[in-house]
Amino acid sequence: MKKFVTVLLAVCLLTAALAGCASSAKTDDKTIVVGASSTPHAEILAQVKDALAKDGWTLEVKVFDDYVLPNKALNDGELDANYFQHTPYLESFNAANGTDLFESDGKFDTFSTVACLYAETCQIIASADSGIQTVADLKGKTVSVGDAGSGVEFNATQILAAYGIDINSDIKKVNASFGDSADSIKDGKIDAAFTVAGAPTTAIVDYATTNTLNLVSLSDDELAAIQEAYPFLIRDDLAAGTYTGQDADVTCVAIQATLVASEELSEDVVYEFVKAMFDNKDALTEGHAKFGFLDPEAASAGATVTMHPGAEKYYKEIGVL
């Protein structure tokens, strides 16, 4: 079975773009098996099932306990698609090089980059009465850091460590999904929570609708410390009004959500897929506001693994490579 990998399956990208490229990518099997390394990712993927069904496609979502297992399943041909976060500390670089999380498994050399899509923002929400205003204030607090072994936990580890806070000893660590974390803040069970997702994030939108929102904005010193230790965590400011009750810009860091494709996919198929993605940018943005930042020049830059020939062909054709 021919395969492709996409961040969140690019969510609405599939809804809008499959009509333009599905027949080339899959002519004999219209079932896509997607790996998700967290429940929130699976929930987002599930939202496009009905739209895919209208075009005769079936979307099956498999949820894994960590970031390594779905990539192993993809490498072994058990999945057609998977979620990738683009950082040298996480999947795409390490899977390709057999390092860090993937050290014991060796190199996974079955995929190549198609596009860096948009920033997934590392957002820290805290209860209004917790007294938490900075990263330093998290020390000694009860903090949710996402599901165990998730990218959220890795990013939380990095952000805390850059400010001298050990995730295992300096906070009371809780592992929970975005939605459960928001509920726990409401109920006073935890003081704060990390989320890593394109903003606006559904769990935070829902929380802010009925609760006073307290988003931690990074200071210049905190931002400098984080980026010195982890340069791939880029600055990403949340504009005032991103959420109900957010009256000022909030300084965060972010990682890049990245689309990669199986090298079993032909140059023509990937070319059609990338073209369909950019041709349907408006439809993607309706599905998630972050797709409004989708840009060919940015999409073709910053990859940590080899660019797929089909994607390279498209970027050269439009003059950004």
C-alpha atoms as a PDB file:
ATOM      1  CA  MET A   1       0.000   0.000   0.000  1.00  0.00           C
ATOM      2  CA  LYS A   2       1.329   3.385  -0.906  1.00  0.00           C
ATOM      3  CA  LYS A   3       1.787   5.650   2.065  1.00  0.00           C
ATOM      4  CA  PHE A   4       2.021   9.270   3.071  1.00  0.00           C
ATOM      5  CA  VAL A   5       2.596  10.942   6.388  1.00  0.00           C
ATOM      6  CA  THR A   6       1.155  14.236   7.507  1.00  0.00           C
ATOM      7  CA  VAL A   7       0.969  16.389  10.591  1.00  0.00           C
ATOM      8  CA  LEU A   8      -2.489  15.832  11.993  1.00  0.00           C
ATOM      9  CA  LEU A   9      -3.047  14.413   8.506  1.00  0.00           C
ATOM     10  CA  ALA A  10      -3.047  18.133   7.866  1.00  0.00           C
ATOM     11  CA  VAL A  11      -6.583  17.758   9.240  1.00  0.00           C
ATOM     12  CA  CYS A  12      -8.720  19.695   6.792  1.00  0.00           C
ATOM     13  CA  LEU A  13      -6.016  19.444   4.145  1.00  0.00           C
ATOM     14  CA  LEU A  14      -7.264  15.971   3.446  1.00  0.00           C
ATOM     15  CA  THR A  15     -10.844  17.099   3.322  1.00  0.00           C
ATOM     16  CA  ALA A  16     -10.068  19.770   0.765  1.00  0.00           C
ATOM     17  CA  ALA A  17      -7.167  18.252  -1.091  1.00  0.00           C
ATOM     18  CA  LEU A  18      -7.896  14.560  -1.446  1.00  0.00           C
ATOM     19  CA  ALA A  19     -10.286  15.220  -4.276  1.00  0.00           C
ATOM     20  CA  GLY A  20      -7.347  16.639  -6.193  1.00  0.00           C
ATOM     21  CA  CYS A  21      -4.714  14.043  -5.382  1.00  0.00           C
ATOM     22  CA  ALA A  22      -6.348  10.945  -3.919  1.00  0.00           C
ATOM     23  CA  SER A  23      -6.838   9.133  -7.185  1.00  0.00           C
ATOM     24  CA  SER A  24      -3.098   9.326  -7.881  1.00  0.00           C
ATOM     25  CA  ALA A  25      -1.998   8.458  -4.367  1.00  0.00           C
ATOM     26  CA  LYS A  26      -4.379   5.561  -3.804  1.00  0.00           C
ATOM     27  CA  THR A  27      -6.072   3.952  -6.757  1.00  0.00           C
ATOM     28  CA  ASP A  28      -6.779   0.519  -5.308  1.00  0.00           C
ATOM     29  CA  ASP A  29      -7.399   1.132  -1.610  1.00  0.00           C
ATOM     30  CA  LYS A  30      -9.373   4.059  -0.202  1.00  0.00           C
ATOM     31  CA  THR A  31      -8.677   3.292   3.454  1.00  0.00           C
ATOM     32  CA  ILE A  32      -6.125   5.417   5.314  1.00  0.00           C
ATOM     33  CA  VAL A  33      -4.733   4.102   8.594  1.00  0.00           C
ATOM     34  CA  VAL A  34      -3.414   6.983  10.669  1.00  0.00           C
ATOM     35  CA  GLY A  35      -1.188   6.835  13.742  1.00  0.00           C
ATOM     36  CA  ALA A  36      -1.720   9.355  16.538  1.00  0.00           C
ATOM     37  CA  SER A  37       0.561   9.613  19.548  1.00  0.00           C
ATOM     38  CA  SER A  38      -1.992  11.351  21.753  1.00  0.00           C
ATOM     39  CA  THR A  39      -5.744  11.438  22.288  1.00  0.00           C
ATOM     40  CA  PRO A  40      -6.096  15.122  21.194  1.00  0.00           C
ATOM     41  CA  HIS A  41      -4.465  14.314  17.854  1.00  0.00           C
ATOM     42  CA  ALA A  42      -6.808  11.364  17.411  1.00  0.00           C
ATOM     43  CA  GLU A  43      -9.797  13.557  18.197  1.00  0.00           C
ATOM     44  CA  ILE A  44      -8.771  16.094  15.572  1.00  0.00           C
ATOM     45  CA  LEU A  45      -8.264  13.367  12.981  1.00  0.00           C
ATOM     46  CA  ALA A  46     -11.656  11.910  13.827  1.00  0.00           C
ATOM     47  CA  GLN A  47     -13.312  15.210  12.910  1.00  0.00           C
ATOM     48  CA  VAL A  48     -12.588  14.677   9.228  1.00  0.00           C
ATOM     49  CA  LYS A  49     -14.003  11.146   8.998  1.00  0.00           C
ATOM     50  CA  ASP A  50     -17.401  12.216   7.649  1.00  0.00           C
ATOM     51  CA  ALA A  51     -15.890  14.543   5.057  1.00  0.00           C
ATOM     52  CA  LEU A  52     -13.577  11.798   3.833  1.00  0.00           C
ATOM     53  CA  ALA A  53     -16.451   9.335   3.680  1.00  0.00           C
ATOM     54  CA  LYS A  54     -18.278  11.612   1.228  1.00  0.00           C
ATOM     55  CA  ASP A  55     -15.438  11.014  -1.226  1.00  0.00           C
ATOM     56  CA  GLY A  56     -15.465   7.280  -0.591  1.00  0.00           C
ATOM     57  CA  TRP A  57     -12.564   7.295   1.855  1.00  0.00           C
ATOM     58  CA  THR A  58     -12.370   5.525   5.199  1.00  0.00           C
ATOM     59  CA  LEU A  59     -10.155   6.985   7.937  1.00  0.00           C
ATOM     60  CA  GLU A  60      -8.948   4.636  10.666  1.00  0.00           C
ATOM     61  CA  VAL A  61      -7.136   6.216  13.625  1.00  0.00           C
ATOM     62  CA  LYS A  62      -4.786   4.223  15.854  1.00  0.00           C
ATOM     63  CA  VAL A  63      -3.676   5.854  19.105  1.00  0.00           C
ATOM     64  CA  PHE A  64      -0.252   4.937  20.524  1.00  0.00           C
ATOM     65  CA  ASP A  65       1.256   5.532  23.959  1.00  0.00           C
ATOM     66  CA  ASP A  66       4.353   7.410  22.797  1.00  0.00           C
ATOM     67  CA  TYR A  67       6.041   9.001  19.806  1.00  0.00           C
ATOM     68  CA  VAL A  68       8.265   6.085  18.861  1.00  0.00           C
ATOM     69  CA  LEU A  69       5.635   3.368  18.359  1.00  0.00           C
ATOM     70  CA  PRO A  70       3.625   5.005  15.545  1.00  0.00           C
ATOM     71  CA  ASN A  71       6.821   5.765  13.653  1.00  0.00           C
ATOM     72  CA  LYS A  72       7.940   2.164  14.008  1.00  0.00           C
ATOM     73  CA  ALA A  73       4.515   1.076  12.745  1.00  0.00           C
ATOM     74  CA  LEU A  74       4.849   3.448   9.809  1.00  0.00           C
ATOM     75  CA  ASN A  75       8.347   2.213   9.061  1.00  0.00           C
ATOM     76  CA  ASP A  76       7.068  -1.378   9.129  1.00  0.00           C
ATOM     77  CA  GLY A  77       4.239  -0.608   6.713  1.00  0.00           C
ATOM     78  CA  GLU A  78       1.459  -0.925   9.303  1.00  0.00           C
ATOM     79  CA  LEU A  79       0.345   2.720   8.937  1.00  0.00           C
ATOM     80  CA  ASP A  80      -0.334   4.971   5.979  1.00  0.00           C
ATOM     81  CA  ALA A  81       0.024   8.224   7.888  1.00  0.00           C
ATOM     82  CA  ASN A  82       1.243   9.694  11.138  1.00  0.00           C
ATOM     83  CA  TYR A  83       1.667  12.889  13.121  1.00  0.00           C
ATOM     84  CA  PHE A  84       5.083  14.533  13.114  1.00  0.00           C
ATOM     85  CA  GLN A  85       6.395  17.427  15.167  1.00  0.00           C
ATOM     86  CA  HIS A  86       9.387  19.098  13.593  1.00  0.00           C
ATOM     87  CA  THR A  87      12.210  19.539  16.094  1.00  0.00           C
ATOM     88  CA  PRO A  88      15.716  18.117  16.284  1.00  0.00           C
ATOM     89  CA  TYR A  89      14.744  16.840  19.736  1.00  0.00           C
ATOM     90  CA  LEU A  90      11.719  14.942  18.573  1.00  0.00           C
ATOM     91  CA  GLU A  91      10.618  12.867  15.689  1.00  0.00           C
ATOM     92  CA  SER A  92      11.645  13.740  12.171  1.00  0.00           C
ATOM     93  CA  PHE A  93      15.345  14.329  12.808  1.00  0.00           C
ATOM     94  CA  ASN A  94      15.756  11.529  15.320  1.00  0.00           C
ATOM     95  CA  ALA A  95      13.741   8.985  13.378  1.00  0.00           C
ATOM     96  CA  ALA A  96      15.836   9.665  10.300  1.00  0.00           C
ATOM     97  CA  ASN A  97      19.111   9.465  12.217  1.00  0.00           C
ATOM     98  CA  GLY A  98      18.368   6.799  14.823  1.00  0.00           C
ATOM     99  CA  THR A  99      19.104   9.140  17.717  1.00  0.00           C
ATOM    100  CA  ASP A 100      17.568  10.147  21.067  1.00  0.00           C
ATOM    101  CA  LEU A 101      14.079   8.552  21.259  1.00  0.00           C
ATOM    102  CA  PHE A 102      14.959   6.260  18.341  1.00  0.00           C
ATOM    103  CA  GLU A 103      18.482   5.269  19.404  1.00  0.00           C
ATOM    104  CA  SER A 104      17.591   1.657  20.171  1.00  0.00           C
ATOM    105  CA  ASP A 105      15.627   1.196  16.948  1.00  0.00           C
ATOM    106  CA  GLY A 106      18.069   2.426  14.333  1.00  0.00           C
ATOM    107  CA  LYS A 107      17.356   4.776  11.454  1.00  0.00           C
ATOM    108  CA  PHE A 108      13.908   5.043   9.917  1.00  0.00           C
ATOM    109  CA  ASP A 109      14.730   6.069   6.365  1.00  0.00           C
ATOM    110  CA  THR A 110      11.325   5.559   4.768  1.00  0.00           C
ATOM    111  CA  PHE A 111      10.133   9.168   4.643  1.00  0.00           C
ATOM    112  CA  SER A 112      11.143  12.616   3.399  1.00  0.00           C
ATOM    113  CA  THR A 113       9.948  16.169   3.985  1.00  0.00           C
ATOM    114  CA  VAL A 114       7.071  17.708   2.070  1.00  0.00           C
ATOM    115  CA  ALA A 115       6.348  20.945   3.961  1.00  0.00           C
ATOM    116  CA  CYS A 116       6.825  22.764   7.235  1.00  0.00           C
ATOM    117  CA  LEU A 117       3.193  23.739   7.756  1.00  0.00           C
ATOM    118  CA  TYR A 118       2.697  25.987  10.770  1.00  0.00           C
ATOM    119  CA  ALA A 119       3.797  26.571  14.337  1.00  0.00           C
ATOM    120  CA  GLU A 120       2.459  24.441  17.172  1.00  0.00           C
ATOM    121  CA  THR A 121       2.530  26.804  20.113  1.00  0.00           C
ATOM    122  CA  CYS A 122       3.732  25.789  23.575  1.00  0.00           C
ATOM    123  CA  GLN A 123       1.036  27.390  25.736  1.00  0.00           C
ATOM    124  CA  ILE A 124       1.024  27.459  29.532  1.00  0.00           C
ATOM    125  CA  ILE A 125      -2.305  28.103  31.242  1.00  0.00           C
ATOM    126  CA  ALA A 126      -2.602  28.617  34.987  1.00  0.00           C
ATOM    127  CA  SER A 127      -5.477  29.083  37.383  1.00  0.00           C
ATOM    128  CA  ALA A 128      -6.352  32.698  38.040  1.00  0.00           C
ATOM    129  CA  ASP A 129      -5.642  32.385  41.771  1.00  0.00           C
ATOM    130  CA  SER A 130      -2.432  30.340  41.515  1.00  0.00           C
ATOM    131  CA  GLY A 131      -0.119  33.343  41.548  1.00  0.00           C
ATOM    132  CA  ILE A 132       1.666  31.951  38.495  1.00  0.00           C
ATOM    133  CA  GLN A 133       2.854  34.693  36.144  1.00  0.00           C
ATOM    134  CA  THR A 134       6.212  33.349  34.910  1.00  0.00           C
ATOM    135  CA  VAL A 135       7.855  29.991  34.199  1.00  0.00           C
ATOM    136  CA  ALA A 136       9.809  30.393  37.438  1.00  0.00           C
ATOM    137  CA  ASP A 137       6.517  30.484  39.361  1.00  0.00           C
ATOM    138  CA  LEU A 138       5.785  26.881  38.285  1.00  0.00           C
ATOM    139  CA  LYS A 139       8.376  25.550  40.736  1.00  0.00           C
ATOM    140  CA  GLY A 140       6.662  23.634  43.519  1.00  0.00           C
ATOM    141  CA  LYS A 141       3.281  23.751  41.763  1.00  0.00           C
ATOM    142  CA  THR A 142       1.087  20.929  40.498  1.00  0.00           C
ATOM    143  CA  VAL A 143       1.449  21.029  36.720  1.00  0.00           C
ATOM    144  CA  SER A 144       0.048  18.892  33.916  1.00  0.00           C
ATOM    145  CA  VAL A 145       2.648  18.250  31.214  1.00  0.00           C
ATOM    146  CA  GLY A 146       0.540  16.330  28.708  1.00  0.00           C
ATOM    147  CA  ASP A 147       0.269  12.596  28.245  1.00  0.00           C
ATOM    148  CA  ALA A 148       3.221  10.498  29.415  1.00  0.00           C
ATOM    149  CA  GLY A 149       5.895  10.246  26.735  1.00  0.00           C
ATOM    150  CA  SER A 150       4.174  12.815  24.520  1.00  0.00           C
ATOM    151  CA  GLY A 151       5.756  15.689  22.643  1.00  0.00           C
ATOM    152  CA  VAL A 152       4.047  18.016  25.115  1.00  0.00           C
ATOM    153  CA  GLU A 153       5.973  16.395  27.964  1.00  0.00           C
ATOM    154  CA  PHE A 154       9.239  16.707  26.044  1.00  0.00           C
ATOM    155  CA  ASN A 155       8.633  20.386  25.318  1.00  0.00           C
ATOM    156  CA  ALA A 156       7.598  21.030  28.924  1.00  0.00           C
ATOM    157  CA  THR A 157      10.816  19.342  30.051  1.00  0.00           C
ATOM    158  CA  GLN A 158      12.847  21.610  27.782  1.00  0.00           C
ATOM    159  CA  ILE A 159      11.110  24.840  28.769  1.00  0.00           C
ATOM    160  CA  LEU A 160      11.338  24.087  32.483  1.00  0.00           C
ATOM    161  CA  ALA A 161      14.949  22.912  32.271  1.00  0.00           C
ATOM    162  CA  ALA A 162      15.988  26.093  30.471  1.00  0.00           C
ATOM    163  CA  TYR A 163      14.852  27.939  33.583  1.00  0.00           C
ATOM    164  CA  GLY A 164      16.498  25.549  36.049  1.00  0.00           C
ATOM    165  CA  ILE A 165      13.369  23.555  36.925  1.00  0.00           C
ATOM    166  CA  ASP A 166      13.532  19.750  36.897  1.00  0.00           C
ATOM    167  CA  ILE A 167      10.249  18.301  35.629  1.00  0.00           C
ATOM    168  CA  ASN A 168      10.541  15.251  37.892  1.00  0.00           C
ATOM    169  CA  SER A 169      11.629  16.857  41.159  1.00  0.00           C
ATOM    170  CA  ASP A 170      10.804  20.579  41.123  1.00  0.00           C
ATOM    171  CA  ILE A 171       7.105  20.355  40.235  1.00  0.00           C
ATOM    172  CA  LYS A 172       4.309  17.954  41.113  1.00  0.00           C
ATOM    173  CA  LYS A 173       4.010  16.416  37.660  1.00  0.00           C
ATOM    174  CA  VAL A 174       0.659  15.271  36.335  1.00  0.00           C
ATOM    175  CA  ASN A 175       0.188  13.497  32.998  1.00  0.00           C
ATOM    176  CA  ALA A 176      -3.148  14.315  31.395  1.00  0.00           C
ATOM    177  CA  SER A 177      -4.730  15.275  28.086  1.00  0.00           C
ATOM    178  CA  PHE A 178      -5.477  18.908  27.188  1.00  0.00           C
ATOM    179  CA  GLY A 179      -9.168  18.575  27.974  1.00  0.00           C
ATOM    180  CA  ASP A 180      -8.609  16.766  31.283  1.00  0.00           C
ATOM    181  CA  SER A 181      -5.982  19.329  32.252  1.00  0.00           C
ATOM    182  CA  ALA A 182      -8.371  22.226  31.657  1.00  0.00           C
ATOM    183  CA  ASP A 183     -11.036  20.477  33.746  1.00  0.00           C
ATOM    184  CA  SER A 184      -8.517  19.897  36.538  1.00  0.00           C
ATOM    185  CA  ILE A 185      -7.616  23.583  36.622  1.00  0.00           C
ATOM    186  CA  LYS A 186     -11.317  24.433  36.848  1.00  0.00           C
ATOM    187  CA  ASP A 187     -11.741  21.985  39.745  1.00  0.00           C
ATOM    188  CA  GLY A 188      -8.650  23.236  41.587  1.00  0.00           C
ATOM    189  CA  LYS A 189      -6.840  19.898  41.259  1.00  0.00           C
ATOM    190  CA  ILE A 190      -3.824  21.365  39.450  1.00  0.00           C
ATOM    191  CA  ASP A 191      -2.261  24.815  39.225  1.00  0.00           C
ATOM    192  CA  ALA A 192      -1.180  24.921  35.596  1.00  0.00           C
ATOM    193  CA  ALA A 193      -0.905  22.941  32.365  1.00  0.00           C
ATOM    194  CA  PHE A 194       1.209  22.833  29.229  1.00  0.00           C
ATOM    195  CA  THR A 195      -0.413  22.437  25.819  1.00  0.00           C
ATOM    196  CA  VAL A 196       1.413  22.199  22.506  1.00  0.00           C
ATOM    197  CA  ALA A 197      -0.903  22.735  19.558  1.00  0.00           C
ATOM    198  CA  GLY A 198      -1.890  25.212  16.884  1.00  0.00           C
ATOM    199  CA  ALA A 199      -3.625  28.183  18.495  1.00  0.00           C
ATOM    200  CA  PRO A 200      -6.449  28.721  19.145  1.00  0.00           C
ATOM    201  CA  THR A 201      -6.519  25.338  20.868  1.00  0.00           C
ATOM    202  CA  THR A 202      -9.972  23.859  21.484  1.00  0.00           C
ATOM    203  CA  ALA A 203      -9.386  22.944  25.133  1.00  0.00           C
ATOM    204  CA  ILE A 204      -8.227  26.483  25.937  1.00  0.00           C
ATOM    205  CA  VAL A 205     -11.063  28.043  23.918  1.00  0.00           C
ATOM    206  CA  ASP A 206     -13.573  26.046  25.948  1.00  0.00           C
ATOM    207  CA  TYR A 207     -11.845  26.881  29.235  1.00  0.00           C
ATOM    208  CA  ALA A 208     -11.684  30.613  28.487  1.00  0.00           C
ATOM    209  CA  THR A 209     -15.383  30.731  27.629  1.00  0.00           C
ATOM    210  CA  THR A 210     -16.441  30.146  31.241  1.00  0.00           C
ATOM    211  CA  ASN A 211     -13.273  30.822  33.268  1.00  0.00           C
ATOM    212  CA  THR A 212     -10.797  33.650  33.792  1.00  0.00           C
ATOM    213  CA  LEU A 213      -7.886  32.906  31.471  1.00  0.00           C
ATOM    214  CA  ASN A 214      -4.351  33.203  32.810  1.00  0.00           C
ATOM    215  CA  LEU A 215      -1.828  32.520  30.033  1.00  0.00           C
ATOM    216  CA  VAL A 216       1.834  32.670  31.057  1.00  0.00           C
ATOM    217  CA  SER A 217       3.750  35.086  28.835  1.00  0.00           C
ATOM    218  CA  LEU A 218       7.504  34.486  28.609  1.00  0.00           C
ATOM    219  CA  SER A 219       9.763  37.313  29.689  1.00  0.00           C
ATOM    220  CA  ASP A 220      12.711  38.362  27.537  1.00  0.00           C
ATOM    221  CA  ASP A 221      15.074  36.573  29.918  1.00  0.00           C
ATOM    222  CA  GLU A 222      13.009  33.386  29.884  1.00  0.00           C
ATOM    223  CA  LEU A 223      12.733  33.446  26.101  1.00  0.00           C
ATOM    224  CA  ALA A 224      16.496  33.968  25.741  1.00  0.00           C
ATOM    225  CA  ALA A 225      17.277  31.119  28.145  1.00  0.00           C
ATOM    226  CA  ILE A 226      14.928  28.724  26.363  1.00  0.00           C
ATOM    227  CA  GLN A 227      16.220  29.575  22.882  1.00  0.00           C
ATOM    228  CA  GLU A 228      19.851  29.382  23.979  1.00  0.00           C
ATOM    229  CA  ALA A 229      19.310  25.847  25.209  1.00  0.00           C
ATOM    230  CA  TYR A 230      16.904  24.775  22.442  1.00  0.00           C
ATOM    231  CA  PRO A 231      17.292  26.977  19.331  1.00  0.00           C
ATOM    232  CA  PHE A 232      14.594  25.050  17.449  1.00  0.00           C
ATOM    233  CA  LEU A 233      11.947  26.446  19.807  1.00  0.00           C
ATOM    234  CA  ILE A 234      11.004  29.555  17.850  1.00  0.00           C
ATOM    235  CA  ARG A 235       9.253  32.622  19.231  1.00  0.00           C
ATOM    236  CA  ASP A 236       5.523  32.620  18.525  1.00  0.00           C
ATOM    237  CA  ASP A 237       3.395  35.399  20.003  1.00  0.00           C
ATOM    238  CA  LEU A 238      -0.323  34.851  20.517  1.00  0.00           C
ATOM    239  CA  ALA A 239      -2.083  38.032  19.436  1.00  0.00           C
ATOM    240  CA  ALA A 240      -4.471  39.682  21.865  1.00  0.00           C
ATOM    241  CA  GLY A 241      -7.951  38.276  21.339  1.00  0.00           C
ATOM    242  CA  THR A 242      -6.787  34.803  20.361  1.00  0.00           C
ATOM    243  CA  TYR A 243      -8.864  33.642  23.325  1.00  0.00           C
ATOM    244  CA  THR A 244     -11.777  35.155  25.239  1.00  0.00           C
ATOM    245  CA  GLY A 245     -10.411  37.363  28.002  1.00  0.00           C
ATOM    246  CA  GLN A 246      -6.926  37.624  26.473  1.00  0.00           C
ATOM    247  CA  ASP A 247      -6.428  41.380  26.315  1.00  0.00           C
ATOM    248  CA  ALA A 248      -2.703  41.469  25.510  1.00  0.00           C
ATOM    249  CA  ASP A 249      -0.209  39.620  23.324  1.00  0.00           C
ATOM    250  CA  VAL A 250       1.314  36.538  24.973  1.00  0.00           C
ATOM    251  CA  THR A 251       4.906  35.558  24.212  1.00  0.00           C
ATOM    252  CA  CYS A 252       5.367  31.808  23.712  1.00  0.00           C
ATOM    253  CA  VAL A 253       7.700  29.428  21.937  1.00  0.00           C
ATOM    254  CA  ALA A 254       6.636  26.958  19.270  1.00  0.00           C
ATOM    255  CA  ILE A 255       7.747  24.028  17.175  1.00  0.00           C
ATOM    256  CA  GLN A 256       6.996  23.419  13.516  1.00  0.00           C
ATOM    257  CA  ALA A 257       4.305  21.003  12.441  1.00  0.00           C
ATOM    258  CA  THR A 258       5.742  19.172   9.442  1.00  0.00           C
ATOM    259  CA  LEU A 259       4.302  17.178   6.573  1.00  0.00           C
ATOM    260  CA  VAL A 260       6.442  14.255   5.425  1.00  0.00           C
ATOM    261  CA  ALA A 261       5.779  11.592   2.827  1.00  0.00           C
ATOM    262  CA  SER A 262       6.682   7.963   2.407  1.00  0.00           C
ATOM    263  CA  GLU A 263       9.448   7.516  -0.111  1.00  0.00           C
ATOM    264  CA  GLU A 264       7.270   4.846  -1.711  1.00  0.00           C
ATOM    265  CA  LEU A 265       5.101   7.660  -3.021  1.00  0.00           C
ATOM    266  CA  SER A 266       6.059   8.728  -6.522  1.00  0.00           C
ATOM    267  CA  GLU A 267       7.271  12.205  -7.419  1.00  0.00           C
ATOM    268  CA  ASP A 268       4.042  12.858  -9.326  1.00  0.00           C
ATOM    269  CA  VAL A 269       1.791  11.905  -6.395  1.00  0.00           C
ATOM    270  CA  VAL A 270       3.625  14.124  -3.912  1.00  0.00           C
ATOM    271  CA  TYR A 271       3.721  16.977  -6.416  1.00  0.00           C
ATOM    272  CA  GLU A 272      -0.073  16.754  -6.849  1.00  0.00           C
ATOM    273  CA  PHE A 273      -0.573  16.553  -3.100  1.00  0.00           C
ATOM    274  CA  VAL A 274       1.537  19.649  -2.353  1.00  0.00           C
ATOM    275  CA  LYS A 275      -0.118  21.614  -5.154  1.00  0.00           C
ATOM    276  CA  ALA A 276      -3.577  20.648  -3.871  1.00  0.00           C
ATOM    277  CA  MET A 277      -2.599  21.724  -0.386  1.00  0.00           C
ATOM    278  CA  PHE A 278      -1.631  25.239  -1.443  1.00  0.00           C
ATOM    279  CA  ASP A 279      -4.505  25.523  -3.915  1.00  0.00           C
ATOM    280  CA  ASN A 280      -6.900  24.836  -1.019  1.00  0.00           C
ATOM    281  CA  LYS A 281      -5.312  27.053   1.620  1.00  0.00           C
ATOM    282  CA  ASP A 282      -8.587  28.900   2.325  1.00  0.00           C
ATOM    283  CA  ALA A 283     -10.393  25.651   3.044  1.00  0.00           C
ATOM    284  CA  LEU A 284      -7.594  24.520   5.342  1.00  0.00           C
ATOM    285  CA  THR A 285      -7.757  27.786   7.255  1.00  0.00           C
ATOM    286  CA  GLU A 286     -11.474  27.281   7.828  1.00  0.00           C
ATOM    287  CA  GLY A 287     -10.572  24.007   9.534  1.00  0.00           C
ATOM    288  CA  HIS A 288      -7.825  25.531  11.683  1.00  0.00           C
ATOM    289  CA  ALA A 289      -6.717  29.156  11.900  1.00  0.00           C
ATOM    290  CA  LYS A 290      -3.029  28.197  11.924  1.00  0.00           C
ATOM    291  CA  PHE A 291      -3.249  27.176   8.261  1.00  0.00           C
ATOM    292  CA  GLY A 292      -3.593  30.899   7.552  1.00  0.00           C
ATOM    293  CA  PHE A 293       0.168  31.014   8.108  1.00  0.00           C
ATOM    294  CA  LEU A 294       0.803  28.391   5.423  1.00  0.00           C
ATOM    295  CA  ASP A 295       3.401  29.847   3.057  1.00  0.00           C
ATOM    296  CA  PRO A 296       5.369  28.084   0.280  1.00  0.00           C
ATOM    297  CA  GLU A 297       8.655  29.813   1.118  1.00  0.00           C
ATOM    298  CA  ALA A 298       8.442  28.923   4.799  1.00  0.00           C
ATOM    299  CA  ALA A 299       7.137  25.459   3.981  1.00  0.00           C
ATOM    300  CA  SER A 300      10.181  24.674   1.863  1.00  0.00           C
ATOM    301  CA  ALA A 301      12.720  25.857   4.455  1.00  0.00           C
ATOM    302  CA  GLY A 302      14.054  24.375   7.661  1.00  0.00           C
ATOM    303  CA  ALA A 303      13.571  20.661   7.049  1.00  0.00           C
ATOM    304  CA  THR A 304      15.757  18.341   9.119  1.00  0.00           C
ATOM    305  CA  VAL A 305      15.404  15.442   6.663  1.00  0.00           C
ATOM    306  CA  THR A 306      15.684  15.263   2.874  1.00  0.00           C
ATOM    307  CA  MET A 307      13.040  17.029   0.774  1.00  0.00           C
ATOM    308  CA  HIS A 308      10.846  14.678  -1.268  1.00  0.00           C
ATOM    309  CA  PRO A 309      11.491  15.066  -5.041  1.00  0.00           C
ATOM    310  CA  GLY A 310       7.799  15.749  -5.689  1.00  0.00           C
ATOM    311  CA  ALA A 311       7.730  18.594  -3.165  1.00  0.00           C
ATOM    312  CA  GLU A 312      11.012  19.947  -4.473  1.00  0.00           C
ATOM    313  CA  LYS A 313       9.550  19.956  -8.000  1.00  0.00           C
ATOM    314  CA  TYR A 314       6.571  22.055  -6.860  1.00  0.00           C
ATOM    315  CA  TYR A 315       8.664  24.598  -4.921  1.00  0.00           C
ATOM    316  CA  LYS A 316      11.037  25.014  -7.850  1.00  0.00           C
ATOM    317  CA  GLU A 317       8.110  25.424 -10.235  1.00  0.00           C
ATOM    318  CA  ILE A 318       6.673  28.332  -8.232  1.00  0.00           C
ATOM    319  CA  GLY A 319      10.106  29.895  -7.695  1.00  0.00           C
ATOM    320  CA  VAL A 320      10.721  29.493  -3.956  1.00  0.00           C
ATOM    321  CA  LEU A 321      13.578  26.992  -4.419  1.00  0.00           C
END
